[in-house]
Amino acid sequence: MTRIRDVVQQVLSTGYLTVEAENQLRHLLSTRYDLEDFNAFMTLQEAAMNGKVKQESRERRVKCEV
């Protein structure tokens, strides 16, 4: 079974959060998870806010607005 920390590790290694990974995280966050998964998700949030991770969904939204 995939864990939040596994998805986060993949995203951080590529620097890119795909829509598929976002959906996977939404699903995983709706289930029970441990502190390590929570901390990994918070690390991902911080990386996204600091521009270290690009988000496919935001790129799509910008293209639609142009």
PDB file of N, CA and C in Angstrom:
ATOM      1  N   MET A   1       0.836  -1.182   0.000  1.00  0.00           N
ATOM      2  CA  MET A   1       0.000   0.000   0.000  1.00  0.00           C
ATOM      3  C   MET A   1       0.884   1.250   0.000  1.00  0.00           C
ATOM      4  N   THR A   2       0.511   2.196  -0.801  1.00  0.00           N
ATOM      5  CA  THR A   2       1.262   3.444  -0.886  1.00  0.00           C
ATOM      6  C   THR A   2       1.013   4.293   0.346  1.00  0.00           C
ATOM      7  N   ARG A   3       2.061   4.947   0.798  1.00  0.00           N
ATOM      8  CA  ARG A   3       1.951   5.844   1.955  1.00  0.00           C
ATOM      9  C   ARG A   3       2.177   7.274   1.489  1.00  0.00           C
ATOM     10  N   ILE A   4       1.703   8.213   2.284  1.00  0.00           N
ATOM     11  CA  ILE A   4       1.877   9.625   1.986  1.00  0.00           C
ATOM     12  C   ILE A   4       3.351   9.937   1.802  1.00  0.00           C
ATOM     13  N   ARG A   5       4.176   9.430   2.685  1.00  0.00           N
ATOM     14  CA  ARG A   5       5.617   9.737   2.624  1.00  0.00           C
ATOM     15  C   ARG A   5       6.245   9.239   1.327  1.00  0.00           C
ATOM     16  N   ASP A   6       5.711   8.142   0.771  1.00  0.00           N
ATOM     17  CA  ASP A   6       6.237   7.628  -0.499  1.00  0.00           C
ATOM     18  C   ASP A   6       5.910   8.577  -1.651  1.00  0.00           C
ATOM     19  N   VAL A   7       4.674   9.061  -1.665  1.00  0.00           N
ATOM     20  CA  VAL A   7       4.269  10.010  -2.703  1.00  0.00           C
ATOM     21  C   VAL A   7       5.079  11.298  -2.573  1.00  0.00           C
ATOM     22  N   VAL A   8       5.208  11.786  -1.350  1.00  0.00           N
ATOM     23  CA  VAL A   8       5.961  13.018  -1.107  1.00  0.00           C
ATOM     24  C   VAL A   8       7.410  12.855  -1.545  1.00  0.00           C
ATOM     25  N   GLN A   9       8.013  11.739  -1.225  1.00  0.00           N
ATOM     26  CA  GLN A   9       9.408  11.500  -1.613  1.00  0.00           C
ATOM     27  C   GLN A   9       9.562  11.552  -3.129  1.00  0.00           C
ATOM     28  N   GLN A  10       8.630  10.961  -3.842  1.00  0.00           N
ATOM     29  CA  GLN A  10       8.672  10.975  -5.303  1.00  0.00           C
ATOM     30  C   GLN A  10       8.541  12.403  -5.839  1.00  0.00           C
ATOM     31  N   VAL A  11       7.594  13.147  -5.273  1.00  0.00           N
ATOM     32  CA  VAL A  11       7.379  14.529  -5.719  1.00  0.00           C
ATOM     33  C   VAL A  11       8.608  15.384  -5.442  1.00  0.00           C
ATOM     34  N   LEU A  12       9.177  15.257  -4.254  1.00  0.00           N
ATOM     35  CA  LEU A  12      10.352  16.056  -3.913  1.00  0.00           C
ATOM     36  C   LEU A  12      11.546  15.694  -4.781  1.00  0.00           C
ATOM     37  N   SER A  13      11.653  14.434  -5.163  1.00  0.00           N
ATOM     38  CA  SER A  13      12.793  14.025  -5.988  1.00  0.00           C
ATOM     39  C   SER A  13      12.680  14.564  -7.410  1.00  0.00           C
ATOM     40  N   THR A  14      11.445  14.727  -7.903  1.00  0.00           N
ATOM     41  CA  THR A  14      11.260  15.248  -9.257  1.00  0.00           C
ATOM     42  C   THR A  14      11.044  16.759  -9.264  1.00  0.00           C
ATOM     43  N   GLY A  15      10.608  17.294  -8.129  1.00  0.00           N
ATOM     44  CA  GLY A  15      10.308  18.725  -8.070  1.00  0.00           C
ATOM     45  C   GLY A  15       9.004  19.081  -8.753  1.00  0.00           C
ATOM     46  N   TYR A  16       8.157  18.070  -8.999  1.00  0.00           N
ATOM     47  CA  TYR A  16       6.927  18.299  -9.756  1.00  0.00           C
ATOM     48  C   TYR A  16       5.785  17.494  -9.151  1.00  0.00           C
ATOM     49  N   LEU A  17       4.716  18.188  -8.800  1.00  0.00           N
ATOM     50  CA  LEU A  17       3.521  17.554  -8.239  1.00  0.00           C
ATOM     51  C   LEU A  17       2.484  17.423  -9.337  1.00  0.00           C
ATOM     52  N   THR A  18       2.296  16.197  -9.800  1.00  0.00           N
ATOM     53  CA  THR A  18       1.326  15.949 -10.863  1.00  0.00           C
ATOM     54  C   THR A  18      -0.088  15.955 -10.291  1.00  0.00           C
ATOM     55  N   VAL A  19      -1.062  16.092 -11.184  1.00  0.00           N
ATOM     56  CA  VAL A  19      -2.465  16.024 -10.774  1.00  0.00           C
ATOM     57  C   VAL A  19      -2.748  14.639 -10.188  1.00  0.00           C
ATOM     58  N   GLU A  20      -2.168  13.626 -10.777  1.00  0.00           N
ATOM     59  CA  GLU A  20      -2.350  12.252 -10.277  1.00  0.00           C
ATOM     60  C   GLU A  20      -1.836  12.129  -8.843  1.00  0.00           C
ATOM     61  N   ALA A  21      -0.663  12.685  -8.570  1.00  0.00           N
ATOM     62  CA  ALA A  21      -0.107  12.631  -7.214  1.00  0.00           C
ATOM     63  C   ALA A  21      -0.965  13.431  -6.239  1.00  0.00           C
ATOM     64  N   GLU A  22      -1.487  14.577  -6.692  1.00  0.00           N
ATOM     65  CA  GLU A  22      -2.383  15.370  -5.843  1.00  0.00           C
ATOM     66  C   GLU A  22      -3.610  14.557  -5.467  1.00  0.00           C
ATOM     67  N   ASN A  23      -4.196  13.893  -6.446  1.00  0.00           N
ATOM     68  CA  ASN A  23      -5.376  13.071  -6.178  1.00  0.00           C
ATOM     69  C   ASN A  23      -5.053  11.915  -5.242  1.00  0.00           C
ATOM     70  N   GLN A  24      -3.899  11.331  -5.430  1.00  0.00           N
ATOM     71  CA  GLN A  24      -3.469  10.239  -4.564  1.00  0.00           C
ATOM     72  C   GLN A  24      -3.298  10.741  -3.134  1.00  0.00           C
ATOM     73  N   LEU A  25      -2.701  11.912  -2.980  1.00  0.00           N
ATOM     74  CA  LEU A  25      -2.539  12.489  -1.644  1.00  0.00           C
ATOM     75  C   LEU A  25      -3.883  12.803  -1.002  1.00  0.00           C
ATOM     76  N   ARG A  26      -4.824  13.348  -1.773  1.00  0.00           N
ATOM     77  CA  ARG A  26      -6.164  13.619  -1.230  1.00  0.00           C
ATOM     78  C   ARG A  26      -6.791  12.344  -0.678  1.00  0.00           C
ATOM     79  N   HIS A  27      -6.670  11.283  -1.457  1.00  0.00           N
ATOM     80  CA  HIS A  27      -7.230   9.999  -1.014  1.00  0.00           C
ATOM     81  C   HIS A  27      -6.534   9.512   0.256  1.00  0.00           C
ATOM     82  N   LEU A  28      -5.202   9.527   0.250  1.00  0.00           N
ATOM     83  CA  LEU A  28      -4.455   9.038   1.405  1.00  0.00           C
ATOM     84  C   LEU A  28      -4.712   9.881   2.656  1.00  0.00           C
ATOM     85  N   LEU A  29      -4.914  11.177   2.470  1.00  0.00           N
ATOM     86  CA  LEU A  29      -5.181  12.050   3.616  1.00  0.00           C
ATOM     87  C   LEU A  29      -6.576  11.836   4.189  1.00  0.00           C
ATOM     88  N   SER A  30      -7.441  11.188   3.439  1.00  0.00           N
ATOM     89  CA  SER A  30      -8.789  10.901   3.945  1.00  0.00           C
ATOM     90  C   SER A  30      -8.838   9.588   4.730  1.00  0.00           C
ATOM     91  N   THR A  31      -7.696   8.907   4.792  1.00  0.00           N
ATOM     92  CA  THR A  31      -7.602   7.657   5.551  1.00  0.00           C
ATOM     93  C   THR A  31      -6.715   7.897   6.775  1.00  0.00           C
ATOM     94  N   ARG A  32      -6.534   6.858   7.559  1.00  0.00           N
ATOM     95  CA  ARG A  32      -5.667   6.980   8.728  1.00  0.00           C
ATOM     96  C   ARG A  32      -4.209   7.020   8.284  1.00  0.00           C
ATOM     97  N   TYR A  33      -3.448   7.903   8.909  1.00  0.00           N
ATOM     98  CA  TYR A  33      -2.022   8.002   8.618  1.00  0.00           C
ATOM     99  C   TYR A  33      -1.291   8.356   9.900  1.00  0.00           C
ATOM    100  N   ASP A  34       0.009   8.112   9.903  1.00  0.00           N
ATOM    101  CA  ASP A  34       0.782   8.328  11.122  1.00  0.00           C
ATOM    102  C   ASP A  34       1.506   9.676  11.092  1.00  0.00           C
ATOM    103  N   LEU A  35       2.219   9.953  12.156  1.00  0.00           N
ATOM    104  CA  LEU A  35       2.909  11.229  12.302  1.00  0.00           C
ATOM    105  C   LEU A  35       3.975  11.419  11.222  1.00  0.00           C
ATOM    106  N   GLU A  36       4.649  10.355  10.849  1.00  0.00           N
ATOM    107  CA  GLU A  36       5.680  10.460   9.812  1.00  0.00           C
ATOM    108  C   GLU A  36       5.067  10.890   8.475  1.00  0.00           C
ATOM    109  N   ASP A  37       3.900  10.348   8.151  1.00  0.00           N
ATOM    110  CA  ASP A  37       3.211  10.755   6.929  1.00  0.00           C
ATOM    111  C   ASP A  37       2.749  12.211   7.031  1.00  0.00           C
ATOM    112  N   PHE A  38       2.241  12.592   8.171  1.00  0.00           N
ATOM    113  CA  PHE A  38       1.815  13.978   8.379  1.00  0.00           C
ATOM    114  C   PHE A  38       2.994  14.934   8.192  1.00  0.00           C
ATOM    115  N   ASN A  39       4.120  14.605   8.790  1.00  0.00           N
ATOM    116  CA  ASN A  39       5.313  15.450   8.665  1.00  0.00           C
ATOM    117  C   ASN A  39       5.801  15.521   7.225  1.00  0.00           C
ATOM    118  N   ALA A  40       5.719  14.407   6.521  1.00  0.00           N
ATOM    119  CA  ALA A  40       6.119  14.404   5.108  1.00  0.00           C
ATOM    120  C   ALA A  40       5.212  15.326   4.310  1.00  0.00           C
ATOM    121  N   PHE A  41       3.913  15.279   4.578  1.00  0.00           N
ATOM    122  CA  PHE A  41       2.981  16.149   3.870  1.00  0.00           C
ATOM    123  C   PHE A  41       3.272  17.614   4.168  1.00  0.00           C
ATOM    124  N   MET A  42       3.582  17.928   5.403  1.00  0.00           N
ATOM    125  CA  MET A  42       3.903  19.302   5.766  1.00  0.00           C
ATOM    126  C   MET A  42       5.180  19.769   5.071  1.00  0.00           C
ATOM    127  N   THR A  43       6.142  18.867   4.911  1.00  0.00           N
ATOM    128  CA  THR A  43       7.369  19.182   4.180  1.00  0.00           C
ATOM    129  C   THR A  43       7.041  19.507   2.727  1.00  0.00           C
ATOM    130  N   LEU A  44       6.131  18.739   2.144  1.00  0.00           N
ATOM    131  CA  LEU A  44       5.707  18.992   0.769  1.00  0.00           C
ATOM    132  C   LEU A  44       5.007  20.343   0.656  1.00  0.00           C
ATOM    133  N   GLN A  45       4.154  20.652   1.608  1.00  0.00           N
ATOM    134  CA  GLN A  45       3.454  21.939   1.615  1.00  0.00           C
ATOM    135  C   GLN A  45       4.464  23.089   1.631  1.00  0.00           C
ATOM    136  N   GLU A  46       5.447  22.972   2.488  1.00  0.00           N
ATOM    137  CA  GLU A  46       6.474  24.018   2.602  1.00  0.00           C
ATOM    138  C   GLU A  46       7.265  24.151   1.301  1.00  0.00           C
ATOM    139  N   ALA A  47       7.615  23.012   0.709  1.00  0.00           N
ATOM    140  CA  ALA A  47       8.369  23.041  -0.555  1.00  0.00           C
ATOM    141  C   ALA A  47       7.548  23.706  -1.652  1.00  0.00           C
ATOM    142  N   ALA A  48       6.253  23.442  -1.692  1.00  0.00           N
ATOM    143  CA  ALA A  48       5.392  24.061  -2.701  1.00  0.00           C
ATOM    144  C   ALA A  48       5.284  25.566  -2.463  1.00  0.00           C
ATOM    145  N   MET A  49       5.140  25.971  -1.228  1.00  0.00           N
ATOM    146  CA  MET A  49       5.029  27.394  -0.908  1.00  0.00           C
ATOM    147  C   MET A  49       6.315  28.143  -1.230  1.00  0.00           C
ATOM    148  N   ASN A  50       7.444  27.482  -1.095  1.00  0.00           N
ATOM    149  CA  ASN A  50       8.742  28.106  -1.353  1.00  0.00           C
ATOM    150  C   ASN A  50       9.187  27.986  -2.807  1.00  0.00           C
ATOM    151  N   GLY A  51       8.344  27.406  -3.638  1.00  0.00           N
ATOM    152  CA  GLY A  51       8.659  27.298  -5.056  1.00  0.00           C
ATOM    153  C   GLY A  51       9.619  26.182  -5.408  1.00  0.00           C
ATOM    154  N   LYS A  52       9.869  25.284  -4.487  1.00  0.00           N
ATOM    155  CA  LYS A  52      10.783  24.168  -4.761  1.00  0.00           C
ATOM    156  C   LYS A  52      10.086  23.040  -5.514  1.00  0.00           C
ATOM    157  N   VAL A  53       8.753  23.073  -5.506  1.00  0.00           N
ATOM    158  CA  VAL A  53       7.952  22.073  -6.203  1.00  0.00           C
ATOM    159  C   VAL A  53       6.952  22.812  -7.080  1.00  0.00           C
ATOM    160  N   LYS A  54       6.897  22.441  -8.343  1.00  0.00           N
ATOM    161  CA  LYS A  54       5.908  23.004  -9.263  1.00  0.00           C
ATOM    162  C   LYS A  54       4.676  22.112  -9.246  1.00  0.00           C
ATOM    163  N   GLN A  55       3.511  22.744  -9.402  1.00  0.00           N
ATOM    164  CA  GLN A  55       2.258  22.006  -9.369  1.00  0.00           C
ATOM    165  C   GLN A  55       1.603  22.019 -10.743  1.00  0.00           C
ATOM    166  N   GLU A  56       1.378  20.833 -11.274  1.00  0.00           N
ATOM    167  CA  GLU A  56       0.753  20.701 -12.586  1.00  0.00           C
ATOM    168  C   GLU A  56      -0.615  21.383 -12.609  1.00  0.00           C
ATOM    169  N   SER A  57      -1.390  21.251 -11.560  1.00  0.00           N
ATOM    170  CA  SER A  57      -2.732  21.828 -11.547  1.00  0.00           C
ATOM    171  C   SER A  57      -2.685  23.346 -11.638  1.00  0.00           C
ATOM    172  N   ARG A  58      -1.697  23.968 -11.019  1.00  0.00           N
ATOM    173  CA  ARG A  58      -1.570  25.427 -11.110  1.00  0.00           C
ATOM    174  C   ARG A  58      -1.121  25.846 -12.500  1.00  0.00           C
ATOM    175  N   GLU A  59      -0.243  25.057 -13.100  1.00  0.00           N
ATOM    176  CA  GLU A  59       0.209  25.375 -14.460  1.00  0.00           C
ATOM    177  C   GLU A  59      -0.950  25.276 -15.444  1.00  0.00           C
ATOM    178  N   ARG A  60      -1.806  24.297 -15.251  1.00  0.00           N
ATOM    179  CA  ARG A  60      -2.972  24.137 -16.130  1.00  0.00           C
ATOM    180  C   ARG A  60      -3.918  25.320 -15.955  1.00  0.00           C
ATOM    181  N   ARG A  61      -4.112  25.765 -14.720  1.00  0.00           N
ATOM    182  CA  ARG A  61      -5.024  26.873 -14.447  1.00  0.00           C
ATOM    183  C   ARG A  61      -4.516  28.151 -15.113  1.00  0.00           C
ATOM    184  N   VAL A  62      -3.219  28.403 -15.051  1.00  0.00           N
ATOM    185  CA  VAL A  62      -2.639  29.599 -15.669  1.00  0.00           C
ATOM    186  C   VAL A  62      -2.834  29.544 -17.186  1.00  0.00           C
ATOM    187  N   LYS A  63      -2.618  28.385 -17.787  1.00  0.00           N
ATOM    188  CA  LYS A  63      -2.787  28.247 -19.234  1.00  0.00           C
ATOM    189  C   LYS A  63      -4.224  28.502 -19.640  1.00  0.00           C
ATOM    190  N   CYS A  64      -5.181  28.092 -18.816  1.00  0.00           N
ATOM    191  CA  CYS A  64      -6.599  28.285 -19.137  1.00  0.00           C
ATOM    192  C   CYS A  64      -6.992  29.750 -19.026  1.00  0.00           C
ATOM    193  N   GLU A  65      -6.330  30.498 -18.181  1.00  0.00           N
ATOM    194  CA  GLU A  65      -6.667  31.896 -17.975  1.00  0.00           C
ATOM    195  C   GLU A  65      -6.098  32.789 -19.077  1.00  0.00           C
ATOM    196  N   VAL A  66      -5.115  32.310 -19.791  1.00  0.00           N
ATOM    197  CA  VAL A  66      -4.463  33.108 -20.838  1.00  0.00           C
ATOM    198  C   VAL A  66      -5.276  33.126 -22.094  1.00  0.00           C
TER     199      VAL A  66
END
